[in-house]
Amino acid sequence: MAEFPRKLVEIAQQLEGGRTPEKTTVRNLLDWFGAQRRGFYVVQIIRSALDKLSMRTDPDFESAYIDALISFVRANDGVATDRGIAPELQSTTLAPSGPPALVIRAGIADPTQRIGKLASANRPPLAVKPDAMLKEAVTQMLSHDYSQLPVMQNEREVKGVISWASIGSRSTLGRPCNVVRECMDPHYEISYDTSLFAAIDSIVSHEYVLIRAADRRICGIVTTADLSLQFLQLGEPFLLLGEIENHIRRLIDGKFTSKDLAEAKDPADAGRDVTRVSDLNFGAYVRLLEKPERWTKLGLSIDRSVFVQQLEKVRAIRNDVMHFDPDGPAPSDLETLRHFAHFMEELHTIGLT
């Protein structure tokens, strides 16, 4: 078992001995494998390790929020045995202290990106009571820079929402508004397992949605600001990769023969024609430039091995980024993309490309 993380081996031994291992978070599980996010290859490595140790996580580690607690159970415990049927998604009822998550039957990952994987969907929102004085709600909103607050009797019972818009509309109409219940509007909520993309319209239309967990608790609130931040996080690496690729294509355009370009394609992709720079991918860029005799055609006074090494890092990150994940790229990967994009821009600015 030396090939597996020590913590995972210990958990497997505990299960084998009939003991219940301590829960951990998805983030900790990733850390045991030296990872920061659930990239495609990381997920495959973890799944392979769990399979070989005859266990799985509950809920599935790929579908749960990254800081959610997960349990380790024997592979066949509570799992449907008919794998010919498409796996079902079902919500699980958890104790109030446990974070909500999805259970995936047969240990197969949920293919849909759910709103519940966002951090803001897993932070119980600040709320006010219906009979609280209006000045309390206003002070909370000002001090936290919030545009709205849910009005809640308890963690499951939502009475409405109070916002700057609801307060302003009453004031404009000259209606008295001394306590929260006099100023609140109907609230909007969606389920924790709602598709992230299906939730976008509701969030944009209402500027927020409350997130209700499987145990009926309000477990979070997602606003348009949260959504913007999420898509900025997801979009930046794609934009950086596009910028880098455009720089690389400009760097090599007109410098190589069609024979050079054809020889740079993946040997396993024999059926694909490569005659132009636009036919190349990141792997081909690396194969094209790693050979000294081709590198000299660029006329660059920078070190070939360092450049190709960095380009190979970008290629590996690109392959991981193409598999959408709300966790976003690892901070170190994002920094690598930013630095390389800046480096390519500098080469262009000083006239080397």
Protein backbone atom coordinates (compact mmCIF):
# COMPACT_ATOMS: atom_id res chain seq x y z
CA MET A 1 0.00 0.00 0.00
CA ALA A 2 3.05 2.27 -0.17
CA GLU A 3 1.74 3.77 -3.43
CA PHE A 4 -1.17 5.40 -1.57
CA PRO A 5 -1.18 8.38 0.81
CA ARG A 6 -0.54 7.25 4.39
CA LYS A 7 -3.81 8.72 5.67
CA LEU A 8 -5.80 6.83 3.06
CA VAL A 9 -4.08 3.55 3.95
CA GLU A 10 -4.89 4.10 7.63
CA ILE A 11 -8.55 4.72 6.76
CA ALA A 12 -8.66 1.55 4.65
CA GLN A 13 -7.24 -0.41 7.59
CA GLN A 14 -9.83 1.07 9.95
CA LEU A 15 -12.65 0.05 7.61
CA GLU A 16 -11.18 -3.41 7.27
CA GLY A 17 -11.16 -3.71 11.05
CA GLY A 18 -14.80 -2.68 11.29
CA ARG A 19 -14.10 0.79 12.68
CA THR A 20 -15.58 4.10 11.50
CA PRO A 21 -12.89 6.49 10.25
CA GLU A 22 -12.98 10.14 11.18
CA LYS A 23 -14.56 12.42 8.59
CA THR A 24 -12.42 14.85 6.63
CA THR A 25 -12.98 17.56 4.04
CA VAL A 26 -12.63 17.24 0.29
CA ARG A 27 -9.83 19.81 0.50
CA ASN A 28 -7.90 17.59 2.91
CA LEU A 29 -8.36 14.57 0.65
CA LEU A 30 -6.92 16.55 -2.25
CA ASP A 31 -4.01 17.65 -0.09
CA TRP A 32 -3.13 14.02 0.68
CA PHE A 33 -2.53 13.63 -3.06
CA GLY A 34 -0.58 16.89 -3.31
CA ALA A 35 -3.41 18.68 -5.13
CA GLN A 36 -5.36 21.90 -4.57
CA ARG A 37 -8.33 21.35 -6.88
CA ARG A 38 -10.34 18.59 -8.49
CA GLY A 39 -8.74 18.65 -11.90
CA PHE A 40 -9.50 15.84 -14.35
CA TYR A 41 -6.31 13.88 -13.75
CA VAL A 42 -6.34 14.39 -9.99
CA VAL A 43 -9.88 12.99 -9.82
CA GLN A 44 -8.86 9.94 -11.86
CA ILE A 45 -5.89 9.27 -9.56
CA ILE A 46 -8.02 9.54 -6.42
CA ARG A 47 -10.77 7.34 -7.86
CA SER A 48 -8.22 4.71 -8.82
CA ALA A 49 -6.75 4.74 -5.30
CA LEU A 50 -10.20 4.45 -3.69
CA ASP A 51 -11.13 1.58 -6.01
CA LYS A 52 -7.93 -0.32 -5.26
CA LEU A 53 -8.53 0.12 -1.53
CA SER A 54 -12.16 -1.02 -1.97
CA MET A 55 -13.74 2.11 -0.53
CA ARG A 56 -15.55 5.27 -1.57
CA THR A 57 -16.52 8.61 -0.08
CA ASP A 58 -19.99 9.62 1.07
CA PRO A 59 -20.92 12.01 -0.44
CA ASP A 60 -18.85 11.59 -3.57
CA PHE A 61 -15.73 13.77 -3.26
CA GLU A 62 -16.07 15.18 -6.77
CA SER A 63 -19.65 16.39 -6.31
CA ALA A 64 -19.44 17.83 -2.79
CA TYR A 65 -18.41 21.36 -1.89
CA ILE A 66 -14.64 21.47 -1.49
CA ASP A 67 -14.82 22.22 2.26
CA ALA A 68 -17.66 19.78 2.94
CA LEU A 69 -17.09 16.88 5.31
CA ILE A 70 -17.00 13.46 3.67
CA SER A 71 -17.07 9.99 5.18
CA PHE A 72 -15.13 6.94 4.02
CA VAL A 73 -17.10 3.72 3.64
CA ARG A 74 -16.50 0.31 2.16
CA ALA A 75 -17.07 0.31 -1.60
CA ASN A 76 -20.27 -1.74 -1.56
CA ASP A 77 -21.91 -0.26 1.54
CA GLY A 78 -25.30 1.11 0.53
CA VAL A 79 -24.47 1.13 -3.19
CA ALA A 80 -26.94 -0.09 -5.79
CA THR A 81 -25.55 -3.21 -7.48
CA ASP A 82 -27.27 -2.78 -10.87
CA ARG A 83 -24.69 -0.76 -12.78
CA GLY A 84 -26.64 -1.17 -16.00
CA ILE A 85 -29.01 1.54 -14.82
CA ALA A 86 -27.94 5.16 -15.13
CA PRO A 87 -26.75 6.45 -11.73
CA GLU A 88 -29.34 8.46 -9.81
CA LEU A 89 -28.79 11.63 -7.91
CA GLN A 90 -30.43 11.90 -4.55
CA SER A 91 -30.25 14.36 -1.70
CA THR A 92 -29.22 13.17 1.71
CA THR A 93 -30.64 14.34 5.04
CA LEU A 94 -27.87 15.52 7.30
CA ALA A 95 -27.64 16.67 10.89
CA PRO A 96 -27.91 20.47 11.24
CA SER A 97 -24.17 20.72 11.86
CA GLY A 98 -23.20 18.79 8.73
CA PRO A 99 -22.77 20.54 5.38
CA PRO A 100 -25.27 19.59 2.66
CA ALA A 101 -24.02 17.54 -0.26
CA LEU A 102 -25.06 15.18 -3.01
CA VAL A 103 -24.92 11.41 -2.84
CA ILE A 104 -23.99 9.71 -6.09
CA ARG A 105 -25.05 6.10 -6.35
CA ALA A 106 -22.49 3.54 -7.50
CA GLY A 107 -19.69 5.99 -6.69
CA ILE A 108 -20.01 7.71 -10.08
CA ALA A 109 -19.50 11.45 -10.20
CA ASP A 110 -22.39 13.76 -10.86
CA PRO A 111 -21.89 15.05 -14.42
CA THR A 112 -23.80 18.28 -13.70
CA GLN A 113 -22.17 21.29 -12.06
CA ARG A 114 -24.39 22.18 -9.10
CA ILE A 115 -24.94 25.50 -7.35
CA GLY A 116 -24.01 23.71 -4.12
CA LYS A 117 -20.35 23.58 -5.14
CA LEU A 118 -20.01 27.36 -4.76
CA ALA A 119 -18.52 28.66 -1.52
CA SER A 120 -21.33 31.18 -0.98
CA ALA A 121 -23.91 28.37 -1.20
CA ASN A 122 -22.29 26.81 1.85
CA ARG A 123 -22.16 29.82 4.16
CA PRO A 124 -25.37 30.24 6.20
CA PRO A 125 -26.45 33.84 5.57
CA LEU A 126 -26.75 36.60 8.12
CA ALA A 127 -30.47 37.04 8.81
CA VAL A 128 -32.82 39.21 10.83
CA LYS A 129 -36.03 38.37 12.68
CA PRO A 130 -39.38 39.64 11.33
CA ASP A 131 -39.98 41.73 14.45
CA ALA A 132 -36.48 43.25 14.54
CA MET A 133 -36.33 47.03 14.34
CA LEU A 134 -35.59 48.38 10.86
CA LYS A 135 -32.50 50.22 12.13
CA GLU A 136 -30.98 46.86 13.14
CA ALA A 137 -31.37 45.51 9.60
CA VAL A 138 -30.03 48.74 8.07
CA THR A 139 -27.02 48.72 10.38
CA GLN A 140 -26.26 45.07 9.50
CA MET A 141 -26.54 45.78 5.79
CA LEU A 142 -24.32 48.86 6.00
CA SER A 143 -21.67 47.24 8.19
CA HIS A 144 -21.40 44.15 5.97
CA ASP A 145 -21.97 45.96 2.64
CA TYR A 146 -24.98 43.75 1.87
CA SER A 147 -27.79 44.69 -0.50
CA GLN A 148 -30.30 42.38 1.15
CA LEU A 149 -30.89 40.22 4.22
CA PRO A 150 -33.17 37.21 4.54
CA VAL A 151 -35.87 37.60 7.17
CA MET A 152 -35.95 34.30 9.04
CA GLN A 153 -37.73 32.90 12.06
CA ASN A 154 -35.16 30.10 12.29
CA GLU A 155 -32.67 28.33 10.02
CA ARG A 156 -35.47 26.66 8.02
CA GLU A 157 -38.34 29.16 8.10
CA VAL A 158 -37.94 32.13 5.74
CA LYS A 159 -40.48 34.94 5.99
CA GLY A 160 -39.12 37.14 3.21
CA VAL A 161 -36.19 39.39 2.40
CA ILE A 162 -35.42 42.99 3.23
CA SER A 163 -33.32 45.05 0.82
CA TRP A 164 -32.42 48.62 -0.06
CA ALA A 165 -35.02 48.35 -2.82
CA SER A 166 -37.78 47.19 -0.47
CA ILE A 167 -36.95 49.92 2.05
CA GLY A 168 -36.75 52.59 -0.66
CA SER A 169 -40.05 51.63 -2.27
CA ARG A 170 -41.92 51.91 1.07
CA SER A 171 -40.28 55.23 1.80
CA THR A 172 -41.21 56.61 -1.62
CA LEU A 173 -44.83 55.59 -1.12
CA GLY A 174 -44.92 57.14 2.35
CA ARG A 175 -45.68 53.84 4.03
CA PRO A 176 -44.58 53.41 7.68
CA CYS A 177 -41.62 51.08 8.05
CA ASN A 178 -40.40 50.74 11.62
CA VAL A 179 -39.92 46.99 11.91
CA VAL A 180 -38.47 44.55 9.40
CA ARG A 181 -41.72 42.74 8.59
CA GLU A 182 -43.21 46.04 7.33
CA CYS A 183 -40.43 46.43 4.75
CA MET A 184 -39.80 42.90 3.52
CA ASP A 185 -40.60 41.43 0.10
CA PRO A 186 -41.19 37.79 -0.91
CA HIS A 187 -37.94 35.82 -1.10
CA TYR A 188 -36.51 33.61 -3.83
CA GLU A 189 -34.80 30.31 -3.22
CA ILE A 190 -33.50 27.28 -5.10
CA SER A 191 -32.40 23.81 -4.10
CA TYR A 192 -28.79 23.02 -3.25
CA ASP A 193 -28.63 20.51 -6.12
CA THR A 194 -29.90 22.91 -8.80
CA SER A 195 -27.71 23.07 -11.89
CA LEU A 196 -25.34 26.02 -11.71
CA PHE A 197 -26.30 27.12 -15.20
CA ALA A 198 -30.02 26.68 -14.60
CA ALA A 199 -29.67 28.95 -11.55
CA ILE A 200 -28.13 31.85 -13.47
CA ASP A 201 -31.41 33.34 -14.72
CA SER A 202 -32.92 33.37 -11.23
CA ILE A 203 -29.85 34.98 -9.70
CA VAL A 204 -29.63 37.66 -12.39
CA SER A 205 -33.39 38.38 -12.26
CA HIS A 206 -33.59 38.72 -8.48
CA GLU A 207 -29.95 39.73 -7.73
CA TYR A 208 -29.74 36.86 -5.22
CA VAL A 209 -31.19 33.44 -4.39
CA LEU A 210 -31.29 31.64 -1.06
CA ILE A 211 -29.96 28.09 -1.18
CA ARG A 212 -31.98 25.40 0.59
CA ALA A 213 -30.24 22.18 1.61
CA ALA A 214 -31.65 18.68 1.56
CA ASP A 215 -32.47 18.90 5.29
CA ARG A 216 -34.49 22.09 4.54
CA ARG A 217 -31.98 24.45 6.15
CA ILE A 218 -31.06 27.67 4.36
CA CYS A 219 -27.38 26.93 3.90
CA GLY A 220 -26.28 29.89 1.78
CA ILE A 221 -27.11 32.87 -0.39
CA VAL A 222 -25.70 33.40 -3.89
CA THR A 223 -25.78 36.94 -5.28
CA THR A 224 -24.92 38.42 -8.66
CA ALA A 225 -21.61 39.52 -7.14
CA ASP A 226 -20.84 35.91 -6.17
CA LEU A 227 -21.77 34.77 -9.67
CA SER A 228 -19.55 37.42 -11.28
CA LEU A 229 -16.62 36.43 -9.08
CA GLN A 230 -17.18 32.75 -9.88
CA PHE A 231 -17.17 33.29 -13.62
CA LEU A 232 -14.19 35.64 -13.41
CA GLN A 233 -12.34 32.86 -11.61
CA LEU A 234 -13.38 30.36 -14.25
CA GLY A 235 -12.93 32.66 -17.22
CA GLU A 236 -9.48 34.12 -16.52
CA PRO A 237 -7.48 30.96 -17.32
CA PHE A 238 -9.32 30.53 -20.64
CA LEU A 239 -8.56 34.13 -21.59
CA LEU A 240 -4.92 33.77 -20.58
CA LEU A 241 -4.55 30.54 -22.55
CA GLY A 242 -6.08 32.19 -25.60
CA GLU A 243 -3.68 35.13 -25.26
CA ILE A 244 -0.68 32.81 -24.90
CA GLU A 245 -1.70 30.74 -27.91
CA ASN A 246 -2.08 33.85 -30.06
CA HIS A 247 1.41 34.96 -29.06
CA ILE A 248 2.86 31.52 -29.84
CA ARG A 249 1.20 31.45 -33.25
CA ARG A 250 2.53 34.91 -34.08
CA LEU A 251 5.97 33.78 -32.90
CA ILE A 252 6.14 30.77 -35.22
CA ASP A 253 4.06 32.00 -38.17
CA GLY A 254 6.08 32.06 -41.40
CA LYS A 255 9.18 30.58 -39.75
CA PHE A 256 8.63 26.90 -40.55
CA THR A 257 7.87 24.75 -43.57
CA SER A 258 4.71 22.68 -43.85
CA LYS A 259 6.95 19.63 -43.34
CA ASP A 260 8.18 21.05 -40.01
CA LEU A 261 4.61 21.66 -38.89
CA ALA A 262 3.41 18.22 -39.95
CA GLU A 263 6.25 16.53 -38.04
CA ALA A 264 5.23 18.39 -34.86
CA LYS A 265 1.79 16.83 -34.61
CA ASP A 266 1.05 14.00 -32.20
CA PRO A 267 2.36 10.74 -33.75
CA ALA A 268 -0.80 9.03 -32.48
CA ASP A 269 -2.92 11.45 -34.52
CA ALA A 270 -1.80 10.21 -37.93
CA GLY A 271 -5.15 10.82 -39.59
CA ARG A 272 -5.14 14.60 -39.03
CA ASP A 273 -3.64 16.94 -41.62
CA VAL A 274 -1.36 19.68 -40.31
CA THR A 275 -0.29 22.21 -42.91
CA ARG A 276 -0.73 25.57 -41.14
CA VAL A 277 0.15 27.07 -37.78
CA SER A 278 -3.56 27.16 -36.92
CA ASP A 279 -3.64 23.36 -37.18
CA LEU A 280 -1.25 22.98 -34.22
CA ASN A 281 -2.14 22.51 -30.56
CA PHE A 282 -0.07 23.15 -27.43
CA GLY A 283 1.55 19.72 -27.56
CA ALA A 284 2.62 20.40 -31.13
CA TYR A 285 4.09 23.78 -30.14
CA VAL A 286 6.29 22.01 -27.61
CA ARG A 287 7.40 19.31 -30.07
CA LEU A 288 8.08 21.94 -32.72
CA LEU A 289 10.26 24.18 -30.55
CA GLU A 290 12.08 21.63 -28.41
CA LYS A 291 14.43 20.72 -31.27
CA PRO A 292 17.47 23.05 -31.40
CA GLU A 293 17.61 23.13 -35.22
CA ARG A 294 14.06 24.46 -35.35
CA TRP A 295 14.47 26.83 -32.43
CA THR A 296 17.24 28.67 -34.29
CA LYS A 297 14.74 29.60 -37.02
CA LEU A 298 13.03 31.93 -34.56
CA GLY A 299 16.14 34.07 -34.13
CA LEU A 300 15.45 34.59 -30.42
CA SER A 301 18.24 35.38 -27.97
CA ILE A 302 16.51 33.62 -25.09
CA ASP A 303 17.16 30.17 -23.68
CA ARG A 304 15.33 27.43 -25.59
CA SER A 305 15.17 24.87 -22.77
CA VAL A 306 13.70 27.33 -20.26
CA PHE A 307 11.13 28.57 -22.79
CA VAL A 308 10.05 25.06 -23.78
CA GLN A 309 9.90 23.99 -20.14
CA GLN A 310 7.51 26.84 -19.35
CA LEU A 311 5.47 26.13 -22.48
CA GLU A 312 5.13 22.50 -21.38
CA LYS A 313 3.77 23.69 -18.02
CA VAL A 314 1.22 25.82 -19.86
CA ARG A 315 0.25 22.80 -21.99
CA ALA A 316 -0.36 20.66 -18.89
CA ILE A 317 -2.43 23.40 -17.23
CA ARG A 318 -4.41 23.88 -20.42
CA ASN A 319 -5.40 20.21 -20.50
CA ASP A 320 -6.61 20.44 -16.91
CA VAL A 321 -8.45 23.74 -17.37
CA MET A 322 -10.47 22.35 -20.28
CA HIS A 323 -12.33 20.13 -17.78
CA PHE A 324 -14.72 22.65 -16.18
CA ASP A 325 -14.66 22.73 -12.40
CA PRO A 326 -16.12 25.39 -10.08
CA ASP A 327 -13.10 24.94 -7.84
CA GLY A 328 -11.19 26.94 -10.43
CA PRO A 329 -7.50 26.47 -11.21
CA ALA A 330 -4.89 26.08 -8.51
CA PRO A 331 -3.41 29.48 -7.54
CA SER A 332 0.04 28.30 -8.62
CA ASP A 333 -1.29 27.32 -12.06
CA LEU A 334 -3.03 30.65 -12.48
CA GLU A 335 0.20 32.47 -11.59
CA THR A 336 2.08 30.37 -14.16
CA LEU A 337 -0.39 31.41 -16.88
CA ARG A 338 -0.25 35.08 -15.85
CA HIS A 339 3.54 35.14 -15.82
CA PHE A 340 3.90 33.37 -19.16
CA ALA A 341 1.30 35.62 -20.82
CA HIS A 342 3.16 38.67 -19.48
CA PHE A 343 6.47 37.22 -20.69
CA MET A 344 5.09 36.71 -24.21
CA GLU A 345 3.70 40.24 -24.21
CA GLU A 346 7.12 41.58 -23.17
CA LEU A 347 8.78 39.69 -26.03
CA HIS A 348 6.34 41.28 -28.44
CA THR A 349 6.74 44.76 -26.94
CA ILE A 350 10.51 44.77 -27.34
CA GLY A 351 10.23 43.43 -30.88
CA LEU A 352 11.49 39.88 -30.40
CA THR A 353 8.32 38.30 -31.78
